[in-house]
N, C-alpha and C. Protein backbone atom coordinates (compact mmCIF):
# COMPACT_ATOMS: atom_id res chain seq x y z
N MET A 1 -2.32 29.20 8.09
CA MET A 1 -3.05 28.25 7.28
C MET A 1 -2.19 27.76 6.12
N GLU A 2 -1.39 28.63 5.58
CA GLU A 2 -0.51 28.26 4.47
C GLU A 2 0.51 27.21 4.91
N ASP A 3 0.96 27.32 6.15
CA ASP A 3 1.93 26.34 6.68
C ASP A 3 1.30 24.96 6.77
N LEU A 4 0.05 24.89 7.18
CA LEU A 4 -0.63 23.59 7.24
C LEU A 4 -0.76 22.95 5.87
N ALA A 5 -1.06 23.74 4.87
CA ALA A 5 -1.18 23.21 3.51
C ALA A 5 0.18 22.69 3.03
N LYS A 6 1.23 23.40 3.37
CA LYS A 6 2.58 22.96 2.98
C LYS A 6 2.94 21.64 3.67
N ILE A 7 2.63 21.53 4.95
CA ILE A 7 2.89 20.29 5.70
C ILE A 7 2.09 19.15 5.08
N ASP A 8 0.85 19.42 4.73
CA ASP A 8 -0.01 18.40 4.12
C ASP A 8 0.60 17.90 2.80
N ARG A 9 1.10 18.81 1.98
CA ARG A 9 1.72 18.41 0.70
C ARG A 9 2.98 17.58 0.93
N VAL A 10 3.77 17.97 1.92
CA VAL A 10 4.99 17.21 2.22
C VAL A 10 4.64 15.81 2.72
N LEU A 11 3.64 15.71 3.57
CA LEU A 11 3.21 14.40 4.05
C LEU A 11 2.68 13.53 2.91
N ASP A 12 1.96 14.13 1.98
CA ASP A 12 1.48 13.36 0.83
C ASP A 12 2.65 12.85 0.00
N GLU A 13 3.67 13.66 -0.20
CA GLU A 13 4.85 13.21 -0.94
C GLU A 13 5.54 12.07 -0.22
N LEU A 14 5.62 12.15 1.09
CA LEU A 14 6.22 11.05 1.87
C LEU A 14 5.39 9.78 1.74
N LEU A 15 4.08 9.91 1.79
CA LEU A 15 3.21 8.75 1.65
C LEU A 15 3.36 8.12 0.27
N VAL A 16 3.50 8.92 -0.75
CA VAL A 16 3.70 8.39 -2.10
C VAL A 16 5.02 7.60 -2.15
N SER A 17 6.07 8.15 -1.55
CA SER A 17 7.37 7.46 -1.53
C SER A 17 7.31 6.16 -0.76
N VAL A 18 6.75 6.20 0.44
CA VAL A 18 6.65 5.01 1.27
C VAL A 18 5.74 3.98 0.60
N GLY A 19 4.65 4.42 0.04
CA GLY A 19 3.74 3.52 -0.65
C GLY A 19 4.42 2.81 -1.82
N GLY A 20 5.27 3.52 -2.54
CA GLY A 20 6.01 2.91 -3.63
C GLY A 20 6.94 1.82 -3.14
N LEU A 21 7.57 2.06 -2.00
CA LEU A 21 8.45 1.05 -1.41
C LEU A 21 7.66 -0.19 -1.00
N VAL A 22 6.54 0.02 -0.37
CA VAL A 22 5.73 -1.10 0.09
C VAL A 22 5.18 -1.86 -1.12
N LEU A 23 4.83 -1.16 -2.20
CA LEU A 23 4.37 -1.85 -3.40
C LEU A 23 5.46 -2.76 -3.97
N ARG A 24 6.70 -2.29 -3.93
CA ARG A 24 7.80 -3.14 -4.41
C ARG A 24 7.94 -4.38 -3.54
N LEU A 25 7.75 -4.21 -2.23
CA LEU A 25 7.83 -5.36 -1.33
C LEU A 25 6.68 -6.33 -1.53
N ALA A 26 5.59 -5.87 -2.10
CA ALA A 26 4.41 -6.70 -2.30
C ALA A 26 4.60 -7.69 -3.45
N SER A 27 5.66 -7.54 -4.21
CA SER A 27 5.91 -8.45 -5.32
C SER A 27 6.09 -9.87 -4.81
N PRO A 28 5.48 -10.84 -5.49
CA PRO A 28 5.63 -12.25 -5.06
C PRO A 28 7.09 -12.71 -5.08
N GLN A 29 7.92 -12.08 -5.89
CA GLN A 29 9.33 -12.44 -5.93
C GLN A 29 10.08 -11.94 -4.70
N VAL A 30 9.53 -10.95 -4.03
CA VAL A 30 10.19 -10.36 -2.85
C VAL A 30 9.63 -10.96 -1.57
N SER A 31 8.34 -10.96 -1.43
CA SER A 31 7.68 -11.46 -0.22
C SER A 31 7.20 -12.88 -0.46
N ARG A 32 8.05 -13.83 -0.12
CA ARG A 32 7.73 -15.24 -0.43
C ARG A 32 7.26 -16.03 0.78
N THR A 33 7.87 -15.82 1.92
CA THR A 33 7.55 -16.64 3.08
C THR A 33 6.31 -16.11 3.80
N ILE A 34 5.79 -16.93 4.67
CA ILE A 34 4.62 -16.53 5.47
C ILE A 34 4.96 -15.32 6.32
N GLU A 35 6.15 -15.32 6.93
CA GLU A 35 6.56 -14.19 7.78
C GLU A 35 6.66 -12.89 6.97
N GLU A 36 7.19 -13.00 5.75
CA GLU A 36 7.29 -11.81 4.91
C GLU A 36 5.91 -11.30 4.49
N ARG A 37 5.00 -12.22 4.20
CA ARG A 37 3.64 -11.81 3.83
C ARG A 37 2.91 -11.19 5.03
N GLN A 38 3.17 -11.71 6.23
CA GLN A 38 2.57 -11.12 7.42
C GLN A 38 3.11 -9.71 7.67
N ALA A 39 4.42 -9.54 7.47
CA ALA A 39 5.03 -8.21 7.62
C ALA A 39 4.47 -7.25 6.58
N LEU A 40 4.27 -7.75 5.36
CA LEU A 40 3.68 -6.92 4.31
C LEU A 40 2.27 -6.50 4.70
N ALA A 41 1.49 -7.41 5.24
CA ALA A 41 0.11 -7.09 5.65
C ALA A 41 0.12 -6.00 6.73
N ARG A 42 1.05 -6.10 7.67
CA ARG A 42 1.15 -5.05 8.71
C ARG A 42 1.52 -3.71 8.08
N SER A 43 2.45 -3.72 7.12
CA SER A 43 2.84 -2.47 6.46
C SER A 43 1.69 -1.87 5.69
N VAL A 44 0.93 -2.69 5.01
CA VAL A 44 -0.23 -2.20 4.25
C VAL A 44 -1.26 -1.59 5.19
N LYS A 45 -1.51 -2.24 6.31
CA LYS A 45 -2.48 -1.71 7.28
C LYS A 45 -2.01 -0.37 7.85
N GLN A 46 -0.73 -0.27 8.14
CA GLN A 46 -0.17 0.99 8.66
C GLN A 46 -0.26 2.08 7.60
N PHE A 47 0.07 1.74 6.36
CA PHE A 47 -0.03 2.72 5.28
C PHE A 47 -1.47 3.17 5.11
N SER A 48 -2.40 2.23 5.14
CA SER A 48 -3.81 2.56 4.97
C SER A 48 -4.30 3.50 6.06
N ALA A 49 -3.83 3.28 7.28
CA ALA A 49 -4.22 4.16 8.38
C ALA A 49 -3.74 5.59 8.12
N CYS A 50 -2.54 5.73 7.60
CA CYS A 50 -2.00 7.07 7.31
C CYS A 50 -2.68 7.67 6.08
N ALA A 51 -2.97 6.84 5.09
CA ALA A 51 -3.54 7.33 3.83
C ALA A 51 -5.01 7.69 3.95
N ARG A 52 -5.66 7.19 4.97
CA ARG A 52 -7.10 7.39 5.12
C ARG A 52 -7.48 8.87 5.08
N ARG A 53 -6.68 9.72 5.66
CA ARG A 53 -7.03 11.15 5.74
C ARG A 53 -6.48 11.98 4.58
N SER A 54 -5.72 11.35 3.71
CA SER A 54 -5.13 12.09 2.60
C SER A 54 -6.17 12.31 1.51
N THR A 55 -6.11 13.47 0.89
CA THR A 55 -6.98 13.76 -0.23
C THR A 55 -6.23 13.67 -1.56
N ASP A 56 -4.96 13.33 -1.50
CA ASP A 56 -4.15 13.22 -2.71
C ASP A 56 -4.56 11.95 -3.46
N PRO A 57 -4.96 12.08 -4.73
CA PRO A 57 -5.41 10.90 -5.49
C PRO A 57 -4.30 9.86 -5.68
N ARG A 58 -3.05 10.29 -5.70
CA ARG A 58 -1.94 9.33 -5.84
C ARG A 58 -1.85 8.43 -4.62
N VAL A 59 -2.04 9.02 -3.45
CA VAL A 59 -1.99 8.26 -2.21
C VAL A 59 -3.15 7.27 -2.17
N GLN A 60 -4.33 7.71 -2.58
CA GLN A 60 -5.49 6.83 -2.58
C GLN A 60 -5.32 5.68 -3.57
N GLN A 61 -4.72 5.95 -4.72
CA GLN A 61 -4.50 4.90 -5.72
C GLN A 61 -3.49 3.87 -5.20
N ILE A 62 -2.42 4.35 -4.58
CA ILE A 62 -1.43 3.43 -4.00
C ILE A 62 -2.08 2.60 -2.91
N ASN A 63 -2.91 3.22 -2.10
CA ASN A 63 -3.60 2.49 -1.04
C ASN A 63 -4.48 1.39 -1.65
N ASP A 64 -5.23 1.71 -2.68
CA ASP A 64 -6.07 0.70 -3.33
C ASP A 64 -5.22 -0.44 -3.91
N ASP A 65 -4.09 -0.09 -4.53
CA ASP A 65 -3.19 -1.10 -5.09
C ASP A 65 -2.63 -2.00 -4.00
N LEU A 66 -2.27 -1.40 -2.88
CA LEU A 66 -1.71 -2.19 -1.78
C LEU A 66 -2.75 -3.13 -1.17
N VAL A 67 -3.93 -2.64 -0.98
CA VAL A 67 -5.00 -3.49 -0.43
C VAL A 67 -5.25 -4.66 -1.37
N GLU A 68 -5.19 -4.41 -2.66
CA GLU A 68 -5.39 -5.46 -3.65
C GLU A 68 -4.31 -6.54 -3.56
N THR A 69 -3.09 -6.17 -3.19
CA THR A 69 -2.01 -7.16 -3.09
C THR A 69 -2.25 -8.14 -1.97
N LEU A 70 -3.06 -7.79 -0.99
CA LEU A 70 -3.32 -8.69 0.13
C LEU A 70 -4.41 -9.71 -0.17
N ARG A 71 -5.21 -9.44 -1.18
CA ARG A 71 -6.28 -10.38 -1.52
C ARG A 71 -5.67 -11.66 -2.05
N PRO A 72 -6.21 -12.79 -1.63
CA PRO A 72 -5.65 -14.06 -2.11
C PRO A 72 -5.85 -14.18 -3.63
N ARG A 73 -4.87 -14.74 -4.26
CA ARG A 73 -4.95 -14.97 -5.70
C ARG A 73 -5.72 -16.26 -5.94
N LEU A 74 -6.78 -16.12 -6.70
CA LEU A 74 -7.62 -17.29 -6.99
C LEU A 74 -7.18 -17.91 -8.29
N ARG A 75 -7.20 -19.23 -8.32
CA ARG A 75 -6.87 -19.94 -9.55
C ARG A 75 -8.11 -20.63 -10.07
N LEU A 76 -8.25 -20.59 -11.35
CA LEU A 76 -9.36 -21.27 -11.98
C LEU A 76 -8.93 -22.70 -12.26
N VAL A 77 -9.71 -23.63 -11.74
CA VAL A 77 -9.40 -25.04 -11.92
C VAL A 77 -10.54 -25.68 -12.71
N ALA A 78 -10.18 -26.26 -13.81
CA ALA A 78 -11.19 -26.90 -14.65
C ALA A 78 -11.23 -28.38 -14.30
N SER A 79 -12.41 -28.89 -14.16
CA SER A 79 -12.55 -30.32 -13.90
C SER A 79 -13.20 -30.98 -15.10
N ARG A 80 -12.88 -32.23 -15.26
CA ARG A 80 -13.45 -32.96 -16.41
C ARG A 80 -14.45 -33.96 -15.95
């Protein structure tokens, strides 16, 4: 049982590392083209699938941040 807990901790550390990389790619300065945004969306979905079973709060926070990056940015337009 102790081995499973150790594996779980190692997997969480890997998810935190990979999630950090994907968050950097989510920057508008990095992912500019449609193809890059589509690749980012696939990466976020794959990360979310892996993070779903994690109980580590860091992994869950990164997952929430990544999902937020996929939401379209709305602009407020004032009309006269």
